[in-house]
């Protein structure tokens, strides 16, 4: 199999002419990373993570209910309906074979998941962070953590040491985003994948997951840091462990309140199919790898793009109740 990423596509849009890779956070039409007109320079682009968060927190320019203009207070000038935040739902397509969707879900009042991705003609990077709902500022923490890891992996060597460093940088970004004196400091999970050709290098902290989905097989590549995973490792059946009281409590996370963020690291040579990473908002409804694989294969022949698949999986999770935020990122491995 070729060592080059097949048909991955063009570089993402850049700001200015510095030539540095820019992790794509939202669709280009929804997010303009400019401040007061001029493009950010290279330093502020990567050091001022709040730019992306601030822009994502703004409301849509047009009311989805009537098409009227949305005022600065977030309410439509015509019908008075409060417009949804761009942070509630965003999509990204850094290359024709790579896409992701991040969605608030049905039940949660805000979206504490985050998603970042990068693609060029040799590599793809997918990162998901899931902010811990019981911690303060987890929505911001997840966003800066995902962005920092993705930015580093866009140019890093495809080694487990690079993934370890990406986790360290993401953890530092999360720590810097939260009040040092907070009794309930921000926390987030992380799943990160660096794909070069068919060679995958990956890491996770917490219970956001990484899967490979083939035409007749599927595997969970990541290992959860959770009480349920500890029970499964001791021989308890997955269905029993994941339905036990407190089973979804995570045992490692990004943030100042976790003493050990040592990531689960791995490498694999992938066959044709799909690389998929997701938050528990998806896998809560299809935990077994084969169950998720079946969902991916249903209607696969009618998919128009990887973004179509990511949208379908998010919509399916919301159709099951949408009890959590849900994020899905996929990369297609061609034959």
Protein backbone atom coordinates (compact mmCIF):
# COMPACT_ATOMS: atom_id res chain seq x y z
CA UNK A 1 0.00 0.00 0.00
CA UNK A 2 1.22 3.51 -0.81
CA UNK A 3 2.89 5.53 1.93
CA UNK A 4 1.19 8.63 0.58
CA UNK A 5 -2.27 9.70 1.74
CA UNK A 6 -4.46 9.01 -1.32
CA UNK A 7 -6.54 11.89 -2.60
CA UNK A 8 -6.28 13.80 0.67
CA UNK A 9 -6.58 17.17 -1.02
CA UNK A 10 -5.48 20.69 -0.68
CA UNK A 11 -3.87 22.51 2.23
CA UNK A 12 -6.32 24.28 4.57
CA UNK A 13 -6.84 27.99 4.17
CA UNK A 14 -4.10 30.06 5.74
CA UNK A 15 -4.14 33.49 7.35
CA UNK A 16 -1.57 35.76 5.83
CA UNK A 17 1.42 34.37 3.95
CA UNK A 18 3.48 32.70 6.68
CA UNK A 19 2.99 29.18 5.29
CA UNK A 20 2.31 27.65 8.72
CA UNK A 21 -0.39 24.97 9.02
CA UNK A 22 -3.66 26.10 10.56
CA UNK A 23 -5.92 23.58 12.30
CA UNK A 24 -9.43 23.90 10.89
CA UNK A 25 -11.95 24.47 13.66
CA UNK A 26 -15.13 25.24 11.74
CA UNK A 27 -16.34 25.53 8.20
CA UNK A 28 -14.69 28.46 6.46
CA UNK A 29 -17.98 30.22 5.83
CA UNK A 30 -18.78 30.19 9.55
CA UNK A 31 -15.49 31.32 11.06
CA UNK A 32 -13.20 34.11 9.97
CA UNK A 33 -10.07 34.16 12.11
CA UNK A 34 -9.44 37.88 11.72
CA UNK A 35 -9.49 40.61 14.34
CA UNK A 36 -10.40 44.18 13.39
CA UNK A 37 -9.74 43.46 9.73
CA UNK A 38 -6.11 42.36 9.26
CA UNK A 39 -5.07 38.73 9.35
CA UNK A 40 -3.42 37.45 12.50
CA UNK A 41 0.33 37.01 12.36
CA UNK A 42 1.88 33.60 12.95
CA UNK A 43 2.53 34.14 16.65
CA UNK A 44 -0.91 35.41 17.60
CA UNK A 45 -2.53 32.78 15.41
CA UNK A 46 -1.26 29.96 17.62
CA UNK A 47 -0.74 31.72 20.96
CA UNK A 48 -4.10 33.50 21.21
CA UNK A 49 -6.31 30.43 21.42
CA UNK A 50 -9.20 32.54 22.72
CA UNK A 51 -9.65 34.01 19.23
CA UNK A 52 -11.22 30.78 18.00
CA UNK A 53 -13.26 30.38 21.17
CA UNK A 54 -14.50 33.95 21.04
CA UNK A 55 -15.53 33.66 17.40
CA UNK A 56 -17.22 30.30 17.97
CA UNK A 57 -19.15 31.72 20.91
CA UNK A 58 -20.75 34.39 18.71
CA UNK A 59 -24.21 33.77 17.33
CA UNK A 60 -25.15 33.16 13.73
CA UNK A 61 -25.54 36.28 11.54
CA UNK A 62 -28.95 35.17 10.25
CA UNK A 63 -31.87 33.81 12.23
CA UNK A 64 -32.49 30.13 11.38
CA UNK A 65 -36.19 30.58 12.19
CA UNK A 66 -37.07 33.45 9.83
CA UNK A 67 -33.87 34.54 8.09
CA UNK A 68 -33.81 37.92 9.83
CA UNK A 69 -30.70 39.63 11.15
CA UNK A 70 -29.48 38.66 14.61
CA UNK A 71 -28.66 41.55 16.93
CA UNK A 72 -25.59 41.82 19.15
CA UNK A 73 -27.62 40.44 22.07
CA UNK A 74 -28.13 37.17 20.18
CA UNK A 75 -31.83 37.67 19.42
CA UNK A 76 -33.43 38.05 16.00
CA UNK A 77 -34.46 41.62 15.15
CA UNK A 78 -37.50 40.32 13.24
CA UNK A 79 -39.05 37.46 15.19
CA UNK A 80 -37.29 37.77 18.54
CA UNK A 81 -36.06 34.16 18.63
CA UNK A 82 -32.67 33.61 20.27
CA UNK A 83 -30.21 32.39 17.64
CA UNK A 84 -28.09 29.32 18.32
CA UNK A 85 -24.41 29.81 19.06
CA UNK A 86 -21.91 28.72 16.41
CA UNK A 87 -20.32 26.84 19.31
CA UNK A 88 -23.43 24.61 19.48
CA UNK A 89 -22.79 23.00 16.10
CA UNK A 90 -19.87 23.25 13.72
CA UNK A 91 -18.46 21.20 10.87
CA UNK A 92 -15.05 20.96 9.28
CA UNK A 93 -13.62 19.55 6.06
CA UNK A 94 -9.85 20.14 5.89
CA UNK A 95 -9.57 17.73 2.94
CA UNK A 96 -11.90 15.72 0.69
CA UNK A 97 -11.23 12.50 2.65
CA UNK A 98 -11.42 14.06 6.13
CA UNK A 99 -14.34 15.63 7.98
CA UNK A 100 -15.85 16.18 11.40
CA UNK A 101 -18.98 17.40 13.15
CA UNK A 102 -19.28 18.74 16.71
CA UNK A 103 -22.79 19.14 18.12
CA UNK A 104 -24.43 20.18 21.40
CA UNK A 105 -26.88 17.28 21.31
CA UNK A 106 -30.43 17.49 22.63
CA UNK A 107 -30.27 17.57 26.42
CA UNK A 108 -27.21 19.62 27.33
CA UNK A 109 -27.54 23.42 27.60
CA UNK A 110 -24.17 24.03 25.92
CA UNK A 111 -21.57 22.23 23.81
CA UNK A 112 -18.54 21.21 25.84
CA UNK A 113 -17.08 18.98 23.13
CA UNK A 114 -14.44 20.33 20.76
CA UNK A 115 -13.01 19.18 17.48
CA UNK A 116 -9.96 20.18 15.42
CA UNK A 117 -8.52 18.69 12.24
CA UNK A 118 -5.76 19.22 9.70
CA UNK A 119 -5.02 17.65 6.32
CA UNK A 120 -2.49 18.04 3.55
CA UNK A 121 -1.28 15.72 0.80
CA UNK A 122 0.71 13.50 3.18
CA UNK A 123 -1.11 13.46 6.52
CA UNK A 124 -4.36 13.86 8.38
CA UNK A 125 -4.78 14.91 12.00
CA UNK A 126 -8.00 14.41 13.98
CA UNK A 127 -8.44 15.58 17.58
CA UNK A 128 -11.50 15.49 19.85
CA UNK A 129 -11.71 16.82 23.39
CA UNK A 130 -14.77 16.31 25.60
CA UNK A 131 -15.05 18.83 28.42
CA UNK A 132 -16.09 17.37 31.76
CA UNK A 133 -19.54 18.83 32.45
CA UNK A 134 -19.07 19.03 36.21
CA UNK A 135 -15.96 21.21 35.87
CA UNK A 136 -15.86 24.97 35.33
CA UNK A 137 -15.02 26.34 31.88
CA UNK A 138 -14.86 22.92 30.28
CA UNK A 139 -16.17 24.22 26.96
CA UNK A 140 -13.21 26.58 26.61
CA UNK A 141 -10.76 23.99 27.95
CA UNK A 142 -11.86 21.43 25.38
CA UNK A 143 -11.48 23.92 22.54
CA UNK A 144 -7.99 25.13 23.42
CA UNK A 145 -6.82 21.59 24.17
CA UNK A 146 -8.01 20.27 20.80
CA UNK A 147 -6.54 23.20 18.90
CA UNK A 148 -3.14 22.98 20.61
CA UNK A 149 -2.76 19.24 19.98
CA UNK A 150 -3.84 19.57 16.35
CA UNK A 151 -1.51 22.46 15.62
CA UNK A 152 1.47 20.53 16.97
CA UNK A 153 0.64 17.30 15.13
CA UNK A 154 0.22 19.11 11.82
CA UNK A 155 4.02 19.13 11.41
CA UNK A 156 5.31 16.66 14.02
CA UNK A 157 7.00 13.33 13.16
CA UNK A 158 4.66 10.34 13.17
CA UNK A 159 5.98 8.86 16.42
CA UNK A 160 4.45 7.96 19.77
CA UNK A 161 6.74 10.60 21.28
CA UNK A 162 4.97 13.22 19.15
CA UNK A 163 1.59 12.09 20.40
CA UNK A 164 2.88 12.21 23.96
CA UNK A 165 4.07 15.76 23.40
CA UNK A 166 0.73 16.73 21.84
CA UNK A 167 -1.04 15.51 24.97
CA UNK A 168 1.39 17.48 27.16
CA UNK A 169 0.77 20.67 25.17
CA UNK A 170 -3.00 20.15 25.25
CA UNK A 171 -2.88 19.60 28.99
CA UNK A 172 -0.88 22.80 29.46
CA UNK A 173 -3.40 24.71 27.35
CA UNK A 174 -6.26 23.39 29.49
CA UNK A 175 -4.44 24.35 32.69
CA UNK A 176 -3.79 27.85 31.37
CA UNK A 177 -7.45 28.26 30.42
CA UNK A 178 -8.76 27.74 33.96
CA UNK A 179 -8.51 29.73 37.18
CA UNK A 180 -5.60 28.39 39.22
CA UNK A 181 -7.59 28.95 42.41
CA UNK A 182 -10.80 27.34 41.15
CA UNK A 183 -12.19 24.63 43.45
CA UNK A 184 -13.60 22.95 40.33
CA UNK A 185 -10.95 23.48 37.66
CA UNK A 186 -11.59 22.74 34.00
CA UNK A 187 -11.08 19.20 32.76
CA UNK A 188 -11.39 17.41 29.42
CA UNK A 189 -10.72 14.11 27.68
CA UNK A 190 -8.63 13.88 24.52
CA UNK A 191 -8.38 11.51 21.55
CA UNK A 192 -5.83 12.34 18.87
CA UNK A 193 -4.90 10.54 15.66
CA UNK A 194 -2.07 11.24 13.22
CA UNK A 195 -2.44 9.37 9.94
CA UNK A 196 0.38 9.30 7.37
CA UNK A 197 -0.55 7.05 4.47
CA UNK A 198 -1.84 3.91 6.14
CA UNK A 199 0.32 4.41 9.26
CA UNK A 200 -1.66 5.53 12.30
CA UNK A 201 -0.17 6.91 15.52
CA UNK A 202 -2.65 7.76 18.24
CA UNK A 203 -3.19 8.74 21.87
CA UNK A 204 -6.09 9.15 24.25
CA UNK A 205 -6.73 10.36 27.77
CA UNK A 206 -10.16 9.70 29.27
CA UNK A 207 -12.95 8.01 27.34
CA UNK A 208 -13.04 9.64 23.92
CA UNK A 209 -12.40 6.82 21.46
CA UNK A 210 -10.55 5.89 18.27
CA UNK A 211 -11.89 3.16 15.96
CA UNK A 212 -10.99 1.55 12.66
CA UNK A 213 -14.01 0.46 10.58
CA UNK A 214 -13.48 -1.91 7.66
CA UNK A 215 -15.85 -3.48 5.15
CA UNK A 216 -16.42 -6.55 7.33
CA UNK A 217 -14.52 -5.87 10.53
CA UNK A 218 -14.12 -3.13 13.14
CA UNK A 219 -11.77 -2.52 16.05
CA UNK A 220 -11.57 -0.10 18.95
CA UNK A 221 -7.94 1.05 18.94
CA UNK A 222 -7.97 3.29 22.01
CA UNK A 223 -8.25 2.22 25.64
CA UNK A 224 -10.63 4.09 27.94
CA UNK A 225 -9.48 5.58 31.21
CA UNK A 226 -12.68 4.80 33.13
CA UNK A 227 -14.09 2.65 35.88
CA UNK A 228 -15.93 0.62 33.23
CA UNK A 229 -12.68 -0.10 31.40
CA UNK A 230 -11.07 -1.19 34.66
CA UNK A 231 -13.97 -3.60 35.22
CA UNK A 232 -13.71 -4.99 31.67
CA UNK A 233 -9.97 -5.52 32.14
CA UNK A 234 -10.81 -7.67 35.18
CA UNK A 235 -13.10 -9.87 33.13
CA UNK A 236 -16.49 -8.22 33.59
CA UNK A 237 -18.64 -8.32 30.46
CA UNK A 238 -18.73 -5.00 28.59
CA UNK A 239 -22.52 -4.76 28.76
CA UNK A 240 -22.45 -5.26 32.53
CA UNK A 241 -19.49 -2.98 33.18
CA UNK A 242 -20.79 -0.08 31.10
CA UNK A 243 -24.22 -0.19 32.72
CA UNK A 244 -22.92 -0.31 36.30
CA UNK A 245 -23.39 2.64 38.63
CA UNK A 246 -20.58 5.17 38.15
CA UNK A 247 -19.06 3.13 35.34
CA UNK A 248 -18.56 6.16 33.11
CA UNK A 249 -16.47 8.04 35.67
CA UNK A 250 -13.11 8.70 34.03
CA UNK A 251 -9.85 7.95 35.82
CA UNK A 252 -7.57 10.25 33.82
CA UNK A 253 -8.15 13.60 32.12
CA UNK A 254 -6.54 16.84 31.02
CA UNK A 255 -6.48 19.58 33.63
CA UNK A 256 -4.80 20.65 36.87
CA UNK A 257 -6.77 18.30 39.11
CA UNK A 258 -5.43 15.08 37.57
CA UNK A 259 -2.13 13.88 38.97
CA UNK A 260 -1.27 11.65 36.01
CA UNK A 261 -2.22 12.38 32.41
CA UNK A 262 -0.03 9.61 31.00
CA UNK A 263 -1.77 8.91 27.67
CA UNK A 264 -2.63 5.57 26.16
CA UNK A 265 -0.41 5.41 23.09
CA UNK A 266 -0.41 3.19 20.04
CA UNK A 267 0.48 2.67 16.41
CA UNK A 268 -1.19 0.58 13.72
CA UNK A 269 -1.07 -0.08 9.99
CA UNK A 270 -4.63 0.37 8.76
CA UNK A 271 -6.37 -1.45 5.94
CA UNK A 272 -8.84 0.39 3.67
CA UNK A 273 -11.90 1.64 5.50
CA UNK A 274 -12.57 4.45 7.96
CA UNK A 275 -10.61 5.95 10.81
CA UNK A 276 -13.18 7.28 13.26
CA UNK A 277 -12.74 9.18 16.51
CA UNK A 278 -15.65 10.25 18.68
CA UNK A 279 -16.78 11.46 22.07
CA UNK A 280 -18.97 9.32 24.29
CA UNK A 281 -22.00 11.15 22.94
CA UNK A 282 -21.80 8.70 20.03
CA UNK A 283 -20.37 5.50 21.48
CA UNK A 284 -22.74 5.55 24.47
CA UNK A 285 -25.33 4.29 21.98
CA UNK A 286 -23.02 1.86 20.14
CA UNK A 287 -20.13 0.86 22.35
CA UNK A 288 -19.05 -2.36 20.64
CA UNK A 289 -16.80 -1.71 17.66
CA UNK A 290 -18.91 -3.92 15.42
CA UNK A 291 -22.10 -2.11 16.41
CA UNK A 292 -20.50 1.16 15.36
CA UNK A 293 -19.15 -0.51 12.24
CA UNK A 294 -22.64 -1.59 11.25
CA UNK A 295 -23.84 2.00 11.56
CA UNK A 296 -21.03 3.19 9.31
CA UNK A 297 -21.70 0.55 6.66
CA UNK A 298 -25.46 1.21 6.49
CA UNK A 299 -25.92 3.36 3.44
CA UNK A 300 -22.16 3.73 2.92
CA UNK A 301 -22.59 3.30 -0.83
CA UNK A 302 -24.78 6.41 -0.93
CA UNK A 303 -22.39 8.66 0.98
CA UNK A 304 -21.53 11.82 -0.88
CA UNK A 305 -18.51 12.63 1.32
CA UNK A 306 -16.88 11.92 4.68
CA UNK A 307 -18.80 14.92 6.03
CA UNK A 308 -22.01 13.13 5.05
CA UNK A 309 -20.97 10.17 7.22
CA UNK A 310 -20.05 12.36 10.19
CA UNK A 311 -23.39 14.17 9.93
CA UNK A 312 -25.32 10.90 9.75
CA UNK A 313 -23.63 9.53 12.87
CA UNK A 314 -24.26 12.74 14.83
CA UNK A 315 -27.89 12.80 13.71
CA UNK A 316 -28.25 9.13 14.66
CA UNK A 317 -26.92 9.82 18.17
CA UNK A 318 -29.33 12.71 18.56
CA UNK A 319 -32.11 10.43 17.35
CA UNK A 320 -31.30 8.03 20.19
CA UNK A 321 -31.95 10.85 22.66
CA UNK A 322 -28.92 13.12 22.32
CA UNK A 323 -28.27 12.94 26.06
CA UNK A 324 -24.72 14.27 25.66
CA UNK A 325 -22.71 16.46 23.33
CA UNK A 326 -21.59 14.42 20.34
CA UNK A 327 -18.49 14.80 18.17
CA UNK A 328 -17.40 12.62 15.27
CA UNK A 329 -14.34 12.93 13.02
CA UNK A 330 -13.60 10.54 10.15
CA UNK A 331 -10.88 9.92 7.59
CA UNK A 332 -11.37 7.65 4.58
CA UNK A 333 -8.60 5.18 3.76
CA UNK A 334 -8.87 4.41 0.08
CA UNK A 335 -8.01 1.10 -1.56
